[in-house]
Amino acid sequence: MLLQNRPSDSVTAVHDRLYRSLRTQVMHGEFAPGQPLTLRGIGKTYGVSMTPAREAVRRLVAEGALTMSSSGRVSTPELSNERIEEMAAIRALLEPELASRALPRAHFALIERLQTINAANAEAVAKQDAVAYIRTNLEFHRTLYLRAQAPAMLAIAETVWLQLGPTMRALYGRLRRNEPPQHHRMILAALRAGDEPGLRLAVRTDVTQGLRHLVT
């Protein structure tokens, strides 16, 4: 995955593409919890110099997607039980509200799109593809929440997803799913029925249930 400079590219543009690519990888669970990353390794993998690698890492550390020790060692986060519970609580508060705000705009085309994404999610489960599972799961939620027209709230939710990415990968490995999340079907049913309490409950259960398996 090279991000080589082209003559028209500025250092800022290269850095921004690298940042977005790394951010997506972390969010989708392509890195394990505690996996070390080096600027040299990032530069070699993406075909960039140390400067954009350093700036991308700095931004991701600021967002909580990566951690940096006092000695400068960079890695993906290893969340404590307390931190996992905090992240689950944020999702339980924020995402049902986003879904509720989206409900008045949940027309047939949206529900059809969500069904298509859920089918891709089921296919990822059948293939035991953890990254595709996490990606399609988040796509399902983000597609719904975009209809809430609450960009600040959605940005907070995405920051939580970002910090949880490696942890969700670990969760997938522990659960060994063999069927897609049943609560997605409940979310779709609530959207069709215009059932706000049912929608809130389905979303809250869906976004918190799995994380409980990681808390020992």
Foldseek 3Di string as FASTA:
>chain_A
DALDDDPVDDLVNSLVVLLVVVLLCLLLQVFAAFAWDDLVNSCVVHVHDSVSSVVSQVVCCVLLLWPADPVGIIGGHDDALVRLVVLLVLQLPQLLVLLLLLLVVCDPVLLVVLVVLQVQLFVCLQVLPSSSNSVSVVVSSVSSSVSSVPVVSVVVNSSSSSSCNNVSSVLCVVVSDNGGDPLSVQCSVCSVVVPSVSNSVSSSCVSNVSSVVVND
